[in-house]
Amino acid sequence: MDTERRRAPRYPIIADAEVTEIASETKLPAKTSDLSVGGCFLDMLNPSPEGTEIAVRISHADATFSARGRVVFLFPNMGMGVMFTSVPASQQAVLEKWLAALSGGEG
């Protein structure tokens, strides 16, 4: 079994999300189950194939976070792990605020 590969701690969070596959512009509903500075896990019945470039939008606590990402692993009929590949500075602030609150820090 693989050793822990994550570069940042992940925090449990249930939030509405929308995935858009870049190539096809297909929009898919999802929910987050965890979140970190480098990515998230999205619960969805029909996850995108590994390697798919996506845009993800997560809504939580009256704010929305948007970023580009890539599917790095998937569990069929359960969900997929996403690594953020491009996070605009304005969105980084939203993400950091959420993570601070989730970690018990300021938020």
N, C-alpha and C. Protein backbone atom coordinates (compact mmCIF):
# COMPACT_ATOMS: atom_id res chain seq x y z
N MET A 1 0.84 -1.19 0.00
CA MET A 1 0.00 0.00 0.00
C MET A 1 0.88 1.25 0.00
N ASP A 2 0.44 2.26 -0.70
CA ASP A 2 1.21 3.50 -0.80
C ASP A 2 1.32 4.20 0.55
N THR A 3 2.43 4.87 0.76
CA THR A 3 2.55 5.72 1.93
C THR A 3 1.78 7.00 1.66
N GLU A 4 1.57 7.78 2.68
CA GLU A 4 0.82 9.03 2.55
C GLU A 4 1.48 9.94 1.52
N ARG A 5 0.74 10.34 0.49
CA ARG A 5 1.30 11.17 -0.59
C ARG A 5 0.89 12.63 -0.49
N ARG A 6 -0.02 12.94 0.38
CA ARG A 6 -0.53 14.31 0.45
C ARG A 6 0.54 15.25 0.99
N ARG A 7 0.59 16.44 0.40
CA ARG A 7 1.58 17.43 0.81
C ARG A 7 1.03 18.40 1.87
N ALA A 8 -0.28 18.37 2.06
CA ALA A 8 -0.91 19.30 3.01
C ALA A 8 -2.03 18.56 3.73
N PRO A 9 -2.32 18.96 4.97
CA PRO A 9 -3.41 18.30 5.69
C PRO A 9 -4.75 18.54 5.00
N ARG A 10 -5.59 17.52 5.05
CA ARG A 10 -6.94 17.64 4.51
C ARG A 10 -7.91 17.74 5.66
N TYR A 11 -8.96 18.51 5.45
CA TYR A 11 -9.97 18.73 6.49
C TYR A 11 -11.33 18.31 5.96
N PRO A 12 -12.12 17.62 6.78
CA PRO A 12 -13.46 17.23 6.34
C PRO A 12 -14.35 18.45 6.16
N ILE A 13 -15.04 18.48 5.05
CA ILE A 13 -15.98 19.57 4.77
C ILE A 13 -17.02 19.05 3.79
N ILE A 14 -18.27 19.31 4.08
CA ILE A 14 -19.34 18.95 3.16
C ILE A 14 -19.83 20.26 2.55
N ALA A 15 -19.66 20.38 1.24
CA ALA A 15 -20.08 21.60 0.55
C ALA A 15 -20.51 21.23 -0.86
N ASP A 16 -21.41 22.03 -1.42
CA ASP A 16 -21.85 21.82 -2.80
C ASP A 16 -20.72 22.21 -3.74
N ALA A 17 -20.59 21.44 -4.82
CA ALA A 17 -19.56 21.73 -5.81
C ALA A 17 -20.11 21.49 -7.20
N GLU A 18 -19.47 22.12 -8.17
CA GLU A 18 -19.78 21.88 -9.57
C GLU A 18 -18.47 21.67 -10.30
N VAL A 19 -18.40 20.60 -11.07
CA VAL A 19 -17.22 20.27 -11.86
C VAL A 19 -17.54 20.55 -13.32
N THR A 20 -16.64 21.22 -14.02
CA THR A 20 -16.77 21.39 -15.46
C THR A 20 -15.56 20.77 -16.12
N GLU A 21 -15.81 19.76 -16.96
CA GLU A 21 -14.71 19.16 -17.71
C GLU A 21 -14.30 20.15 -18.80
N ILE A 22 -13.03 20.53 -18.81
CA ILE A 22 -12.56 21.58 -19.72
C ILE A 22 -12.78 21.21 -21.19
N ALA A 23 -12.39 20.01 -21.59
CA ALA A 23 -12.45 19.62 -23.00
C ALA A 23 -13.87 19.59 -23.54
N SER A 24 -14.81 19.05 -22.77
CA SER A 24 -16.18 18.87 -23.25
C SER A 24 -17.15 19.93 -22.75
N GLU A 25 -16.72 20.73 -21.79
CA GLU A 25 -17.57 21.73 -21.12
C GLU A 25 -18.76 21.09 -20.41
N THR A 26 -18.67 19.79 -20.11
CA THR A 26 -19.71 19.09 -19.38
C THR A 26 -19.69 19.54 -17.92
N LYS A 27 -20.86 19.92 -17.41
CA LYS A 27 -20.99 20.33 -16.01
C LYS A 27 -21.59 19.19 -15.22
N LEU A 28 -20.97 18.89 -14.06
CA LEU A 28 -21.41 17.78 -13.22
C LEU A 28 -21.55 18.24 -11.78
N PRO A 29 -22.65 17.88 -11.12
CA PRO A 29 -22.80 18.23 -9.70
C PRO A 29 -21.96 17.30 -8.83
N ALA A 30 -21.50 17.83 -7.70
CA ALA A 30 -20.71 17.03 -6.76
C ALA A 30 -20.84 17.63 -5.37
N LYS A 31 -20.27 16.94 -4.40
CA LYS A 31 -20.13 17.46 -3.04
C LYS A 31 -18.72 17.19 -2.60
N THR A 32 -18.15 18.11 -1.84
CA THR A 32 -16.83 17.85 -1.29
C THR A 32 -16.97 16.98 -0.05
N SER A 33 -15.94 16.19 0.23
CA SER A 33 -15.89 15.50 1.51
C SER A 33 -14.64 15.89 2.28
N ASP A 34 -13.63 16.36 1.56
CA ASP A 34 -12.47 16.95 2.24
C ASP A 34 -11.78 17.95 1.34
N LEU A 35 -10.95 18.80 1.96
CA LEU A 35 -10.37 19.94 1.28
C LEU A 35 -9.00 20.23 1.86
N SER A 36 -8.05 20.60 0.99
CA SER A 36 -6.73 21.04 1.44
C SER A 36 -6.28 22.19 0.55
N VAL A 37 -5.13 22.74 0.87
CA VAL A 37 -4.60 23.83 0.06
C VAL A 37 -4.26 23.34 -1.36
N GLY A 38 -4.03 22.04 -1.51
CA GLY A 38 -3.62 21.52 -2.81
C GLY A 38 -4.67 20.77 -3.60
N GLY A 39 -5.85 20.53 -2.99
CA GLY A 39 -6.86 19.79 -3.72
C GLY A 39 -8.03 19.41 -2.84
N CYS A 40 -8.87 18.51 -3.36
CA CYS A 40 -10.06 18.10 -2.63
C CYS A 40 -10.51 16.74 -3.13
N PHE A 41 -11.43 16.14 -2.38
CA PHE A 41 -12.10 14.93 -2.84
C PHE A 41 -13.54 15.31 -3.12
N LEU A 42 -14.03 14.91 -4.29
CA LEU A 42 -15.40 15.22 -4.69
C LEU A 42 -16.22 13.95 -4.75
N ASP A 43 -17.30 13.90 -3.97
CA ASP A 43 -18.22 12.78 -3.99
C ASP A 43 -19.15 12.95 -5.18
N MET A 44 -19.15 11.95 -6.08
CA MET A 44 -20.04 12.00 -7.24
C MET A 44 -20.18 10.59 -7.82
N LEU A 45 -21.35 10.29 -8.37
CA LEU A 45 -21.60 8.95 -8.88
C LEU A 45 -20.79 8.64 -10.13
N ASN A 46 -20.57 9.62 -10.98
CA ASN A 46 -19.87 9.39 -12.24
C ASN A 46 -18.63 10.27 -12.33
N PRO A 47 -17.56 9.91 -11.61
CA PRO A 47 -16.36 10.75 -11.64
C PRO A 47 -15.72 10.77 -13.02
N SER A 48 -15.02 11.84 -13.31
CA SER A 48 -14.32 11.99 -14.58
C SER A 48 -13.09 11.08 -14.58
N PRO A 49 -12.64 10.68 -15.77
CA PRO A 49 -11.45 9.80 -15.84
C PRO A 49 -10.20 10.46 -15.27
N GLU A 50 -9.31 9.63 -14.76
CA GLU A 50 -8.03 10.12 -14.24
C GLU A 50 -7.32 10.93 -15.32
N GLY A 51 -6.76 12.07 -14.93
CA GLY A 51 -6.05 12.93 -15.87
C GLY A 51 -6.92 14.02 -16.48
N THR A 52 -8.24 13.95 -16.29
CA THR A 52 -9.15 14.95 -16.86
C THR A 52 -8.88 16.32 -16.26
N GLU A 53 -8.74 17.33 -17.13
CA GLU A 53 -8.59 18.71 -16.68
C GLU A 53 -9.99 19.27 -16.40
N ILE A 54 -10.15 19.88 -15.23
CA ILE A 54 -11.46 20.37 -14.82
C ILE A 54 -11.37 21.78 -14.25
N ALA A 55 -12.53 22.40 -14.20
CA ALA A 55 -12.72 23.60 -13.39
C ALA A 55 -13.65 23.17 -12.27
N VAL A 56 -13.35 23.58 -11.05
CA VAL A 56 -14.20 23.21 -9.92
C VAL A 56 -14.66 24.47 -9.21
N ARG A 57 -15.92 24.47 -8.81
CA ARG A 57 -16.49 25.58 -8.05
C ARG A 57 -17.13 24.99 -6.80
N ILE A 58 -16.69 25.47 -5.64
CA ILE A 58 -17.19 24.98 -4.36
C ILE A 58 -17.87 26.12 -3.63
N SER A 59 -19.07 25.88 -3.14
CA SER A 59 -19.83 26.90 -2.40
C SER A 59 -19.94 26.48 -0.95
N HIS A 60 -19.53 27.39 -0.05
CA HIS A 60 -19.55 27.09 1.39
C HIS A 60 -19.54 28.41 2.16
N ALA A 61 -20.33 28.48 3.22
CA ALA A 61 -20.33 29.63 4.13
C ALA A 61 -20.45 30.96 3.39
N ASP A 62 -21.44 31.04 2.52
CA ASP A 62 -21.71 32.29 1.78
C ASP A 62 -20.54 32.77 0.94
N ALA A 63 -19.68 31.85 0.52
CA ALA A 63 -18.58 32.20 -0.37
C ALA A 63 -18.43 31.10 -1.42
N THR A 64 -17.76 31.43 -2.51
CA THR A 64 -17.52 30.46 -3.56
C THR A 64 -16.04 30.46 -3.91
N PHE A 65 -15.49 29.27 -4.06
CA PHE A 65 -14.09 29.08 -4.44
C PHE A 65 -14.07 28.44 -5.82
N SER A 66 -13.27 29.00 -6.73
CA SER A 66 -13.14 28.44 -8.07
C SER A 66 -11.67 28.24 -8.40
N ALA A 67 -11.37 27.11 -9.04
CA ALA A 67 -9.99 26.82 -9.43
C ALA A 67 -9.99 25.82 -10.58
N ARG A 68 -8.85 25.72 -11.23
CA ARG A 68 -8.62 24.67 -12.21
C ARG A 68 -7.97 23.50 -11.49
N GLY A 69 -8.21 22.30 -12.00
CA GLY A 69 -7.61 21.14 -11.38
C GLY A 69 -7.50 19.98 -12.34
N ARG A 70 -6.96 18.88 -11.83
CA ARG A 70 -6.82 17.66 -12.61
C ARG A 70 -7.21 16.48 -11.72
N VAL A 71 -7.95 15.54 -12.30
CA VAL A 71 -8.33 14.33 -11.57
C VAL A 71 -7.08 13.47 -11.40
N VAL A 72 -6.71 13.17 -10.15
CA VAL A 72 -5.51 12.38 -9.90
C VAL A 72 -5.81 10.94 -9.48
N PHE A 73 -7.01 10.69 -9.00
CA PHE A 73 -7.44 9.31 -8.74
C PHE A 73 -8.95 9.29 -8.68
N LEU A 74 -9.53 8.11 -8.84
CA LEU A 74 -10.98 8.02 -8.74
C LEU A 74 -11.38 6.69 -8.15
N PHE A 75 -12.55 6.70 -7.55
CA PHE A 75 -13.21 5.50 -7.06
C PHE A 75 -14.52 5.42 -7.83
N PRO A 76 -14.67 4.46 -8.75
CA PRO A 76 -15.90 4.37 -9.55
C PRO A 76 -17.15 4.39 -8.67
N ASN A 77 -18.13 5.15 -9.12
CA ASN A 77 -19.43 5.30 -8.45
C ASN A 77 -19.33 5.94 -7.07
N MET A 78 -18.17 6.51 -6.71
CA MET A 78 -18.01 7.14 -5.40
C MET A 78 -17.50 8.57 -5.51
N GLY A 79 -16.45 8.79 -6.29
CA GLY A 79 -15.91 10.14 -6.37
C GLY A 79 -14.50 10.15 -6.91
N MET A 80 -13.89 11.34 -6.80
CA MET A 80 -12.55 11.51 -7.37
C MET A 80 -11.73 12.50 -6.57
N GLY A 81 -10.43 12.25 -6.57
CA GLY A 81 -9.49 13.16 -5.95
C GLY A 81 -9.00 14.16 -6.98
N VAL A 82 -8.99 15.41 -6.61
CA VAL A 82 -8.61 16.49 -7.52
C VAL A 82 -7.42 17.25 -6.95
N MET A 83 -6.43 17.48 -7.80
CA MET A 83 -5.30 18.34 -7.43
C MET A 83 -5.52 19.68 -8.12
N PHE A 84 -5.49 20.76 -7.32
CA PHE A 84 -5.62 22.08 -7.92
C PHE A 84 -4.37 22.39 -8.73
N THR A 85 -4.55 22.88 -9.96
CA THR A 85 -3.42 23.21 -10.82
C THR A 85 -3.28 24.71 -11.04
N SER A 86 -4.37 25.44 -10.84
CA SER A 86 -4.32 26.90 -11.01
C SER A 86 -5.35 27.54 -10.08
N VAL A 87 -4.87 28.27 -9.10
CA VAL A 87 -5.75 28.94 -8.14
C VAL A 87 -5.46 30.44 -8.20
N PRO A 88 -6.38 31.25 -8.73
CA PRO A 88 -6.17 32.70 -8.75
C PRO A 88 -5.96 33.25 -7.34
N ALA A 89 -5.20 34.31 -7.21
CA ALA A 89 -4.88 34.89 -5.90
C ALA A 89 -6.14 35.20 -5.10
N SER A 90 -7.16 35.73 -5.75
CA SER A 90 -8.40 36.08 -5.04
C SER A 90 -9.07 34.82 -4.48
N GLN A 91 -8.94 33.71 -5.19
CA GLN A 91 -9.54 32.46 -4.75
C GLN A 91 -8.71 31.81 -3.65
N GLN A 92 -7.41 32.01 -3.69
CA GLN A 92 -6.52 31.47 -2.65
C GLN A 92 -6.92 32.01 -1.28
N ALA A 93 -7.32 33.28 -1.24
CA ALA A 93 -7.74 33.89 0.03
C ALA A 93 -8.99 33.22 0.57
N VAL A 94 -9.94 32.89 -0.30
CA VAL A 94 -11.17 32.19 0.12
C VAL A 94 -10.80 30.82 0.68
N LEU A 95 -9.96 30.10 -0.04
CA LEU A 95 -9.54 28.77 0.39
C LEU A 95 -8.84 28.82 1.74
N GLU A 96 -7.91 29.74 1.90
CA GLU A 96 -7.16 29.84 3.16
C GLU A 96 -8.07 30.20 4.33
N LYS A 97 -9.08 31.02 4.09
CA LYS A 97 -10.03 31.36 5.16
C LYS A 97 -10.82 30.12 5.60
N TRP A 98 -11.28 29.35 4.63
CA TRP A 98 -12.01 28.12 4.95
C TRP A 98 -11.13 27.16 5.73
N LEU A 99 -9.89 26.96 5.24
CA LEU A 99 -8.99 26.01 5.89
C LEU A 99 -8.64 26.44 7.31
N ALA A 100 -8.49 27.73 7.51
CA ALA A 100 -8.20 28.24 8.87
C ALA A 100 -9.37 27.91 9.80
N ALA A 101 -10.59 28.11 9.32
CA ALA A 101 -11.76 27.80 10.13
C ALA A 101 -11.87 26.30 10.40
N LEU A 102 -11.60 25.49 9.39
CA LEU A 102 -11.72 24.04 9.52
C LEU A 102 -10.64 23.48 10.46
N SER A 103 -9.49 24.11 10.50
CA SER A 103 -8.40 23.62 11.33
C SER A 103 -8.51 24.10 12.78
N GLY A 104 -9.53 24.92 13.03
CA GLY A 104 -9.72 25.44 14.39
C GLY A 104 -9.00 26.75 14.61
N GLY A 105 -8.39 27.26 13.53
CA GLY A 105 -7.72 28.56 13.62
C GLY A 105 -8.70 29.68 13.39
N GLU A 106 -8.20 30.81 13.01
CA GLU A 106 -9.06 31.97 12.76
C GLU A 106 -9.78 31.78 11.43
N GLY A 107 -10.94 32.37 11.31
CA GLY A 107 -11.66 32.24 10.07
C GLY A 107 -12.83 33.11 10.10
